[in-house]
């Protein structure tokens, strides 16, 4: 596809980023740095014009204590922008709706060429009704809350970023940089975006979904419940052949009843739980040991290293070796010698 950089009515495209008290500072600075760095590679008349819009009076104190000063309050910002991004922050999940802010977001989203959210800024868009019936993503840790509060959203929680028409949403924190690089590539072409990625020392496109960054995936039931007793057995016997018949026998019930009760209480089938438990065990070993992939695969109950790689790809969006390269202790703390 041929790119036509920065085809906007305005010569200098405007990027507006909404911030508020308690905002995650990197949700603001990361995307702004992408577009600011892009100006190094663009003609002066193509430069992005960047502005922070505040949803609070006076200086904004970020979640890490840093102080930001917005260019203007949203009530004094009626001008349409080319790109509107809403930052996230820990306070948003339980924050009460703000009718005035919601109305402003709806107006700005309608006027903007593109709009979207970073991290759990999706909650502000959702409260404004801007995510109804759309495909969207958010920080993995807030995905369940977003889905519960706004079931009309077609949530895709493993995506780093996602586009639905002119709506763009991203996963948590640094994923805002990924999204901004993608938006920049749409505007100015992949070469400019790649140069900016190099300047910021980040990947142009990282591999895998955000599940690989989340805590372990396996949900657990109460230990003394039927499901909990079976789960504890599975965790202690991951290398064994685990069938529904065998697990049902442990709790003296029929395979059919066991499968029904397990799916009801664990919200997944026994086979899904076993697979996730094996992935979790393998993740821990990949992070903390230097054992060969084949040994880890067998110890965790996979048929072989190839089978483990396939399951990792399905569950985490990345292979076992790639996971080790990204998250093992030796990878995080390379020798300086």
Protein backbone atom coordinates (compact mmCIF):
# COMPACT_ATOMS: atom_id res chain seq x y z
CA UNK A 1 0.00 0.00 0.00
CA UNK A 2 1.35 3.43 -0.92
CA UNK A 3 1.51 5.94 1.90
CA UNK A 4 0.45 9.54 1.50
CA UNK A 5 2.00 11.18 4.55
CA UNK A 6 -0.05 13.54 6.66
CA UNK A 7 -3.03 14.08 4.40
CA UNK A 8 -4.86 16.44 6.74
CA UNK A 9 -6.85 19.59 6.07
CA UNK A 10 -4.53 21.41 8.46
CA UNK A 11 -0.86 21.81 7.61
CA UNK A 12 0.22 20.99 11.18
CA UNK A 13 -1.80 18.07 12.57
CA UNK A 14 -2.90 18.50 16.17
CA UNK A 15 -2.51 15.73 18.75
CA UNK A 16 -4.51 16.28 21.95
CA UNK A 17 -3.88 14.05 24.95
CA UNK A 18 -6.35 14.11 27.84
CA UNK A 19 -4.80 13.86 31.32
CA UNK A 20 -6.33 14.06 34.80
CA UNK A 21 -5.31 13.90 38.48
CA UNK A 22 -3.84 10.44 39.08
CA UNK A 23 -2.90 9.87 35.44
CA UNK A 24 -0.12 7.40 34.62
CA UNK A 25 2.70 9.75 33.58
CA UNK A 26 4.11 7.37 30.94
CA UNK A 27 0.69 7.24 29.25
CA UNK A 28 1.19 10.94 28.58
CA UNK A 29 4.92 11.26 27.97
CA UNK A 30 5.34 8.09 25.88
CA UNK A 31 2.95 8.99 23.04
CA UNK A 32 3.96 12.67 23.12
CA UNK A 33 7.61 11.68 22.76
CA UNK A 34 6.79 9.57 19.70
CA UNK A 35 5.20 12.49 17.88
CA UNK A 36 7.78 15.00 19.14
CA UNK A 37 10.61 12.78 17.87
CA UNK A 38 8.76 12.38 14.57
CA UNK A 39 9.07 16.12 14.01
CA UNK A 40 12.83 15.58 13.58
CA UNK A 41 12.11 13.66 10.38
CA UNK A 42 9.26 15.73 8.95
CA UNK A 43 9.14 18.98 7.04
CA UNK A 44 8.31 21.97 9.28
CA UNK A 45 4.84 22.33 7.79
CA UNK A 46 4.17 18.67 8.61
CA UNK A 47 5.18 18.89 12.27
CA UNK A 48 2.75 17.63 14.88
CA UNK A 49 1.32 20.23 17.23
CA UNK A 50 1.06 18.63 20.68
CA UNK A 51 -1.19 19.67 23.53
CA UNK A 52 -2.16 18.23 26.89
CA UNK A 53 -5.80 18.80 27.85
CA UNK A 54 -6.55 18.69 31.57
CA UNK A 55 -9.56 17.15 33.28
CA UNK A 56 -8.67 18.78 36.58
CA UNK A 57 -8.02 22.30 37.82
CA UNK A 58 -4.45 23.46 38.33
CA UNK A 59 -1.38 21.20 38.20
CA UNK A 60 -2.14 17.49 37.72
CA UNK A 61 -0.44 15.12 40.15
CA UNK A 62 0.36 11.82 38.40
CA UNK A 63 0.06 8.41 40.01
CA UNK A 64 3.83 8.44 40.61
CA UNK A 65 3.76 11.88 42.25
CA UNK A 66 5.08 13.77 39.24
CA UNK A 67 3.36 17.07 38.49
CA UNK A 68 2.01 17.92 35.04
CA UNK A 69 0.62 21.21 33.82
CA UNK A 70 -1.96 20.95 31.04
CA UNK A 71 -2.06 23.51 28.26
CA UNK A 72 -5.73 24.11 28.99
CA UNK A 73 -8.75 22.63 30.77
CA UNK A 74 -11.13 20.61 28.62
CA UNK A 75 -13.91 23.15 29.21
CA UNK A 76 -11.73 25.70 27.38
CA UNK A 77 -10.84 23.41 24.50
CA UNK A 78 -13.51 23.36 21.81
CA UNK A 79 -11.15 23.28 18.84
CA UNK A 80 -11.25 20.02 16.87
CA UNK A 81 -8.04 17.99 16.80
CA UNK A 82 -6.72 15.48 14.30
CA UNK A 83 -5.93 12.87 16.96
CA UNK A 84 -7.44 12.65 20.44
CA UNK A 85 -5.87 10.21 22.90
CA UNK A 86 -7.11 9.57 26.44
CA UNK A 87 -4.46 8.50 28.94
CA UNK A 88 -5.04 5.97 31.70
CA UNK A 89 -4.36 5.78 35.41
CA UNK A 90 -5.09 3.59 38.46
CA UNK A 91 -7.92 5.89 39.60
CA UNK A 92 -10.10 5.34 36.53
CA UNK A 93 -11.49 1.87 37.24
CA UNK A 94 -13.62 3.01 40.19
CA UNK A 95 -14.00 6.66 39.22
CA UNK A 96 -17.52 8.10 39.09
CA UNK A 97 -18.78 9.26 35.67
CA UNK A 98 -18.29 12.93 34.81
CA UNK A 99 -21.18 14.11 32.62
CA UNK A 100 -19.40 17.25 31.38
CA UNK A 101 -16.24 15.34 30.48
CA UNK A 102 -18.28 12.64 28.76
CA UNK A 103 -20.07 15.21 26.62
CA UNK A 104 -16.75 16.84 25.70
CA UNK A 105 -15.26 13.47 24.73
CA UNK A 106 -18.24 12.65 22.51
CA UNK A 107 -17.97 16.01 20.77
CA UNK A 108 -14.21 15.74 20.29
CA UNK A 109 -14.38 12.12 19.10
CA UNK A 110 -16.98 13.07 16.52
CA UNK A 111 -14.85 15.91 15.18
CA UNK A 112 -11.44 14.18 15.33
CA UNK A 113 -9.96 12.27 12.42
CA UNK A 114 -8.97 9.57 14.90
CA UNK A 115 -9.44 9.06 18.62
CA UNK A 116 -8.60 6.45 21.19
CA UNK A 117 -7.26 5.48 24.58
CA UNK A 118 -4.06 4.35 26.20
CA UNK A 119 -4.12 1.73 28.94
CA UNK A 120 -7.33 1.95 30.99
CA UNK A 121 -8.19 5.33 29.50
CA UNK A 122 -10.72 3.07 27.76
CA UNK A 123 -12.92 3.49 30.87
CA UNK A 124 -13.38 7.20 30.12
CA UNK A 125 -14.31 6.45 26.51
CA UNK A 126 -16.66 3.69 27.66
CA UNK A 127 -18.42 5.96 30.17
CA UNK A 128 -18.94 8.44 27.34
CA UNK A 129 -20.61 5.70 25.28
CA UNK A 130 -17.83 5.75 22.69
CA UNK A 131 -16.98 2.05 22.97
CA UNK A 132 -20.51 0.63 22.64
CA UNK A 133 -20.42 -2.23 20.14
CA UNK A 134 -16.77 -1.64 19.26
CA UNK A 135 -13.70 -3.84 19.36
CA UNK A 136 -11.31 -2.56 22.02
CA UNK A 137 -8.48 -3.50 24.35
CA UNK A 138 -7.05 -2.19 27.62
CA UNK A 139 -4.49 -3.07 30.29
CA UNK A 140 -4.64 -6.81 31.03
CA UNK A 141 -5.18 -6.12 34.74
CA UNK A 142 -8.30 -4.03 34.08
CA UNK A 143 -9.79 -6.09 31.27
CA UNK A 144 -12.15 -8.08 33.52
CA UNK A 145 -13.46 -4.91 35.20
CA UNK A 146 -14.00 -3.21 31.83
CA UNK A 147 -15.86 -6.25 30.49
CA UNK A 148 -18.02 -6.44 33.61
CA UNK A 149 -18.91 -2.74 33.67
CA UNK A 150 -19.40 -2.44 29.90
CA UNK A 151 -20.48 -5.81 28.47
CA UNK A 152 -21.43 -4.17 25.18
CA UNK A 153 -17.73 -3.76 24.32
CA UNK A 154 -16.22 -6.52 22.17
CA UNK A 155 -13.11 -6.73 24.33
CA UNK A 156 -9.92 -8.33 22.99
CA UNK A 157 -7.75 -8.35 26.11
CA UNK A 158 -4.59 -9.87 24.63
CA UNK A 159 -4.01 -7.18 21.98
CA UNK A 160 -1.17 -4.67 22.31
CA UNK A 161 -3.25 -2.19 20.32
CA UNK A 162 -6.37 -2.42 18.22
CA UNK A 163 -8.13 -0.40 15.53
CA UNK A 164 -11.87 -0.30 14.92
CA UNK A 165 -12.66 2.33 12.29
CA UNK A 166 -11.27 5.61 13.56
CA UNK A 167 -11.12 4.26 17.13
CA UNK A 168 -7.72 3.10 18.44
CA UNK A 169 -7.16 1.49 21.84
CA UNK A 170 -4.01 0.13 23.42
CA UNK A 171 -2.94 -2.15 26.23
CA UNK A 172 -1.19 -0.87 29.33
CA UNK A 173 1.35 1.90 29.81
CA UNK A 174 4.21 1.35 27.32
CA UNK A 175 1.74 -0.06 24.78
CA UNK A 176 0.79 3.57 24.21
CA UNK A 177 4.16 3.92 22.49
CA UNK A 178 3.35 0.94 20.25
CA UNK A 179 0.02 2.52 19.33
CA UNK A 180 1.60 5.91 18.66
CA UNK A 181 4.23 4.35 16.40
CA UNK A 182 1.45 2.63 14.44
CA UNK A 183 -0.45 5.91 14.11
CA UNK A 184 2.73 7.64 13.00
CA UNK A 185 3.34 4.94 10.39
CA UNK A 186 -0.16 5.56 9.00
CA UNK A 187 0.59 9.29 8.76
CA UNK A 188 4.17 9.47 7.58
CA UNK A 189 5.03 5.95 6.47
CA UNK A 190 6.92 3.08 8.12
CA UNK A 191 10.38 4.56 7.56
CA UNK A 192 9.70 7.58 9.74
CA UNK A 193 8.08 5.39 12.40
CA UNK A 194 11.07 3.04 12.36
CA UNK A 195 13.49 5.94 12.77
CA UNK A 196 11.51 7.19 15.75
CA UNK A 197 11.46 3.69 17.28
CA UNK A 198 15.25 3.57 16.95
CA UNK A 199 15.56 6.99 18.56
CA UNK A 200 13.44 5.83 21.51
CA UNK A 201 15.24 2.44 21.64
CA UNK A 202 12.01 0.46 21.40
CA UNK A 203 10.70 -2.22 19.06
CA UNK A 204 8.75 -1.03 16.04
CA UNK A 205 6.44 -4.01 16.57
CA UNK A 206 6.86 -6.30 19.56
CA UNK A 207 6.05 -10.00 19.30
CA UNK A 208 3.20 -11.66 21.15
CA UNK A 209 0.19 -10.31 23.01
CA UNK A 210 0.01 -8.75 26.45
CA UNK A 211 -0.83 -12.05 28.19
CA UNK A 212 2.89 -12.75 28.31
CA UNK A 213 3.28 -9.75 30.67
CA UNK A 214 0.45 -10.72 33.00
CA UNK A 215 0.80 -12.75 36.19
CA UNK A 216 0.18 -16.43 35.77
CA UNK A 217 -3.01 -17.29 33.98
CA UNK A 218 -4.48 -20.13 36.00
CA UNK A 219 -7.49 -19.28 38.21
CA UNK A 220 -7.98 -21.26 41.41
CA UNK A 221 -11.01 -22.32 43.45
CA UNK A 222 -11.25 -22.76 47.23
CA UNK A 223 -8.83 -25.50 48.28
CA UNK A 224 -11.43 -27.54 50.17
CA UNK A 225 -13.99 -27.50 47.33
CA UNK A 226 -14.34 -30.30 44.79
CA UNK A 227 -12.74 -28.20 42.11
CA UNK A 228 -10.04 -26.92 44.48
CA UNK A 229 -9.01 -30.46 45.49
CA UNK A 230 -8.69 -31.48 41.86
CA UNK A 231 -6.72 -28.35 41.01
CA UNK A 232 -4.25 -29.04 43.79
CA UNK A 233 -3.80 -32.58 42.51
CA UNK A 234 -3.24 -31.33 38.96
CA UNK A 235 -0.59 -28.87 40.11
CA UNK A 236 1.27 -31.64 41.92
CA UNK A 237 1.06 -34.08 38.97
CA UNK A 238 1.52 -31.96 35.85
CA UNK A 239 3.83 -34.53 34.29
CA UNK A 240 1.19 -37.29 34.55
CA UNK A 241 -1.48 -38.19 32.03
CA UNK A 242 -4.49 -36.32 33.39
CA UNK A 243 -7.88 -37.40 32.07
CA UNK A 244 -11.39 -36.41 33.11
CA UNK A 245 -12.00 -40.01 34.20
CA UNK A 246 -8.96 -40.01 36.45
CA UNK A 247 -9.76 -36.64 38.00
CA UNK A 248 -13.42 -37.56 38.53
CA UNK A 249 -12.29 -40.69 40.38
CA UNK A 250 -10.31 -38.56 42.84
CA UNK A 251 -13.52 -36.90 44.06
CA UNK A 252 -15.75 -39.96 43.68
CA UNK A 253 -18.10 -38.61 41.05
CA UNK A 254 -18.95 -39.50 37.48
CA UNK A 255 -16.87 -38.00 34.65
CA UNK A 256 -19.95 -36.25 33.28
CA UNK A 257 -20.92 -34.66 36.60
CA UNK A 258 -17.32 -33.77 37.36
CA UNK A 259 -16.86 -32.00 34.02
CA UNK A 260 -20.12 -30.07 34.56
CA UNK A 261 -19.28 -28.97 38.10
CA UNK A 262 -15.71 -28.08 37.19
CA UNK A 263 -16.77 -25.95 34.22
CA UNK A 264 -19.40 -24.20 36.35
CA UNK A 265 -17.12 -23.39 39.29
CA UNK A 266 -13.81 -22.85 37.48
CA UNK A 267 -15.37 -21.18 34.41
CA UNK A 268 -13.29 -23.38 32.15
CA UNK A 269 -13.09 -27.04 31.22
CA UNK A 270 -10.71 -29.43 33.04
CA UNK A 271 -8.61 -29.66 29.87
CA UNK A 272 -8.28 -25.86 29.71
CA UNK A 273 -7.24 -25.69 33.35
CA UNK A 274 -4.61 -28.39 32.87
CA UNK A 275 -3.20 -26.63 29.83
CA UNK A 276 -3.02 -23.27 31.60
CA UNK A 277 -1.45 -24.86 34.69
CA UNK A 278 1.23 -26.43 32.49
CA UNK A 279 1.88 -23.09 30.78
CA UNK A 280 2.22 -21.37 34.16
CA UNK A 281 4.63 -24.02 35.44
CA UNK A 282 6.69 -23.76 32.26
CA UNK A 283 6.75 -19.96 32.49
CA UNK A 284 8.16 -20.18 36.01
CA UNK A 285 10.86 -22.63 34.94
CA UNK A 286 11.75 -20.58 31.86
CA UNK A 287 12.09 -17.47 34.00
CA UNK A 288 14.15 -19.04 36.79
CA UNK A 289 16.13 -21.95 35.37
CA UNK A 290 18.52 -22.72 32.53
CA UNK A 291 17.08 -26.20 31.87
CA UNK A 292 16.71 -27.19 28.20
CA UNK A 293 13.29 -26.62 26.66
CA UNK A 294 12.84 -30.38 26.20
CA UNK A 295 13.31 -31.04 29.93
CA UNK A 296 10.92 -28.25 30.91
CA UNK A 297 8.33 -29.50 28.43
CA UNK A 298 8.41 -33.06 29.80
CA UNK A 299 8.42 -31.94 33.45
CA UNK A 300 5.36 -29.77 32.83
CA UNK A 301 3.39 -32.44 30.98
CA UNK A 302 3.80 -31.37 27.36
CA UNK A 303 4.49 -34.07 24.78
CA UNK A 304 7.72 -32.41 23.70
CA UNK A 305 9.29 -28.98 23.17
CA UNK A 306 7.37 -28.51 19.91
CA UNK A 307 4.06 -29.10 21.68
CA UNK A 308 5.03 -26.61 24.40
CA UNK A 309 5.92 -24.03 21.75
CA UNK A 310 2.52 -24.47 20.07
CA UNK A 311 0.63 -24.04 23.35
CA UNK A 312 2.69 -20.97 24.29
CA UNK A 313 1.93 -19.47 20.90
CA UNK A 314 -1.78 -20.11 21.40
CA UNK A 315 -1.97 -18.85 24.99
CA UNK A 316 0.65 -16.09 25.07
CA UNK A 317 1.19 -15.16 21.44
CA UNK A 318 4.90 -15.99 21.66
CA UNK A 319 7.06 -19.12 21.64
CA UNK A 320 8.70 -20.68 24.69
CA UNK A 321 12.21 -19.68 23.66
CA UNK A 322 11.09 -16.13 22.90
CA UNK A 323 9.42 -16.01 26.31
CA UNK A 324 12.66 -17.12 27.98
CA UNK A 325 14.66 -14.54 26.02
CA UNK A 326 12.32 -11.79 27.23
CA UNK A 327 11.72 -12.78 30.84
CA UNK A 328 14.47 -15.04 32.18
CA UNK A 329 16.64 -13.69 34.98
CA UNK A 330 19.76 -14.00 32.82
CA UNK A 331 18.05 -12.01 30.04
CA UNK A 332 16.98 -9.28 32.46
CA UNK A 333 20.41 -9.00 34.07
CA UNK A 334 23.04 -9.54 31.39
CA UNK A 335 26.68 -9.51 32.33
CA UNK A 336 28.45 -6.17 32.03
CA UNK A 337 31.83 -7.78 31.52
